[in-house]
C-alpha atoms as a PDB file:
ATOM      1  CA  UNK A   1     -13.928  -9.070 -16.238  1.00  0.00           C
ATOM      2  CA  UNK A   2     -16.233  -6.798 -14.484  1.00  0.00           C
ATOM      3  CA  UNK A   3     -19.587  -6.733 -14.256  1.00  0.00           C
ATOM      4  CA  UNK A   4     -21.983  -3.530 -13.002  1.00  0.00           C
ATOM      5  CA  UNK A   5     -25.179  -4.028 -12.024  1.00  0.00           C
ATOM      6  CA  UNK A   6     -28.214  -0.911 -12.135  1.00  0.00           C
ATOM      7  CA  UNK A   7     -30.997   0.028  -9.868  1.00  0.00           C
ATOM      8  CA  UNK A   8     -33.315   2.359 -11.615  1.00  0.00           C
ATOM      9  CA  UNK A   9     -30.542   3.414 -14.250  1.00  0.00           C
ATOM     10  CA  UNK A  10     -27.696   3.891 -11.812  1.00  0.00           C
ATOM     11  CA  UNK A  11     -24.480   2.217 -10.968  1.00  0.00           C
ATOM     12  CA  UNK A  12     -25.300   0.310  -7.989  1.00  0.00           C
ATOM     13  CA  UNK A  13     -22.756  -3.133  -7.148  1.00  0.00           C
ATOM     14  CA  UNK A  14     -19.936  -3.752  -9.222  1.00  0.00           C
ATOM     15  CA  UNK A  15     -18.582  -7.403  -9.533  1.00  0.00           C
ATOM     16  CA  UNK A  16     -14.784  -7.553 -10.392  1.00  0.00           C
ATOM     17  CA  UNK A  17     -13.108 -11.113 -10.522  1.00  0.00           C
ATOM     18  CA  UNK A  18     -11.008 -12.619  -7.915  1.00  0.00           C
ATOM     19  CA  UNK A  19      -7.436 -11.397  -9.683  1.00  0.00           C
ATOM     20  CA  UNK A  20      -8.591  -7.938 -10.753  1.00  0.00           C
ATOM     21  CA  UNK A  21      -9.679  -7.700  -6.757  1.00  0.00           C
ATOM     22  CA  UNK A  22      -6.373  -8.294  -5.709  1.00  0.00           C
ATOM     23  CA  UNK A  23      -4.614  -6.358  -7.966  1.00  0.00           C
ATOM     24  CA  UNK A  24      -6.545  -3.193  -7.129  1.00  0.00           C
ATOM     25  CA  UNK A  25      -6.363  -3.625  -3.163  1.00  0.00           C
ATOM     26  CA  UNK A  26      -2.675  -4.506  -3.817  1.00  0.00           C
ATOM     27  CA  UNK A  27      -2.516  -1.134  -5.720  1.00  0.00           C
ATOM     28  CA  UNK A  28      -4.470   0.766  -3.173  1.00  0.00           C
ATOM     29  CA  UNK A  29      -2.034  -0.028  -0.243  1.00  0.00           C
ATOM     30  CA  UNK A  30       0.780   1.217  -2.286  1.00  0.00           C
ATOM     31  CA  UNK A  31      -0.695   4.375  -2.909  1.00  0.00           C
ATOM     32  CA  UNK A  32      -1.784   4.370   0.891  1.00  0.00           C
ATOM     33  CA  UNK A  33       1.960   3.533   1.954  1.00  0.00           C
ATOM     34  CA  UNK A  34       3.452   5.925  -0.766  1.00  0.00           C
ATOM     35  CA  UNK A  35       0.926   8.598   0.727  1.00  0.00           C
ATOM     36  CA  UNK A  36       2.433   7.944   4.062  1.00  0.00           C
ATOM     37  CA  UNK A  37       5.765   8.236   2.960  1.00  0.00           C
ATOM     38  CA  UNK A  38       5.153  11.744   1.165  1.00  0.00           C
ATOM     39  CA  UNK A  39       3.627  13.215   4.787  1.00  0.00           C
ATOM     40  CA  UNK A  40       6.706  11.826   6.420  1.00  0.00           C
ATOM     41  CA  UNK A  41       8.984  13.850   4.120  1.00  0.00           C
ATOM     42  CA  UNK A  42       6.809  16.975   4.382  1.00  0.00           C
ATOM     43  CA  UNK A  43       6.486  16.460   8.260  1.00  0.00           C
ATOM     44  CA  UNK A  44      10.156  16.163   7.950  1.00  0.00           C
ATOM     45  CA  UNK A  45      10.458  12.693   9.399  1.00  0.00           C
ATOM     46  CA  UNK A  46      13.128  11.093   7.924  1.00  0.00           C
ATOM     47  CA  UNK A  47      16.446  10.238   8.703  1.00  0.00           C
ATOM     48  CA  UNK A  48      19.497   8.710   6.391  1.00  0.00           C
ATOM     49  CA  UNK A  49      19.579   5.719   4.470  1.00  0.00           C
ATOM     50  CA  UNK A  50      22.628   4.870   5.995  1.00  0.00           C
ATOM     51  CA  UNK A  51      21.467   4.901   8.974  1.00  0.00           C
ATOM     52  CA  UNK A  52      18.137   3.167   8.516  1.00  0.00           C
ATOM     53  CA  UNK A  53      19.628   0.296   6.722  1.00  0.00           C
ATOM     54  CA  UNK A  54      22.521  -0.153  10.252  1.00  0.00           C
ATOM     55  CA  UNK A  55      19.392   0.046  12.295  1.00  0.00           C
ATOM     56  CA  UNK A  56      17.522  -2.854   9.665  1.00  0.00           C
ATOM     57  CA  UNK A  57      21.029  -4.582   9.645  1.00  0.00           C
ATOM     58  CA  UNK A  58      21.275  -4.772  13.439  1.00  0.00           C
ATOM     59  CA  UNK A  59      17.446  -5.743  13.952  1.00  0.00           C
ATOM     60  CA  UNK A  60      18.263  -8.466  11.910  1.00  0.00           C
ATOM     61  CA  UNK A  61      21.302 -10.176  13.100  1.00  0.00           C
ATOM     62  CA  UNK A  62      20.193  -9.980  16.623  1.00  0.00           C
ATOM     63  CA  UNK A  63      17.138 -11.735  15.570  1.00  0.00           C
ATOM     64  CA  UNK A  64      19.816 -15.055  14.482  1.00  0.00           C
ATOM     65  CA  UNK A  65      21.302 -14.814  17.740  1.00  0.00           C
END
């Protein structure tokens, strides 16, 4: 449930439930991540997926040693 508190007839403060807040912040973080990824693509900061997964695999294997 959302409660809007007004001051002089205008929206001033919003009170939302904790679960709604967590959902909202998770969605906002996802949107920020997608925007950064889009910028990376636009700026040519990309690499082939196989190379990326190979790098991740190597990093994980080196952590196990």
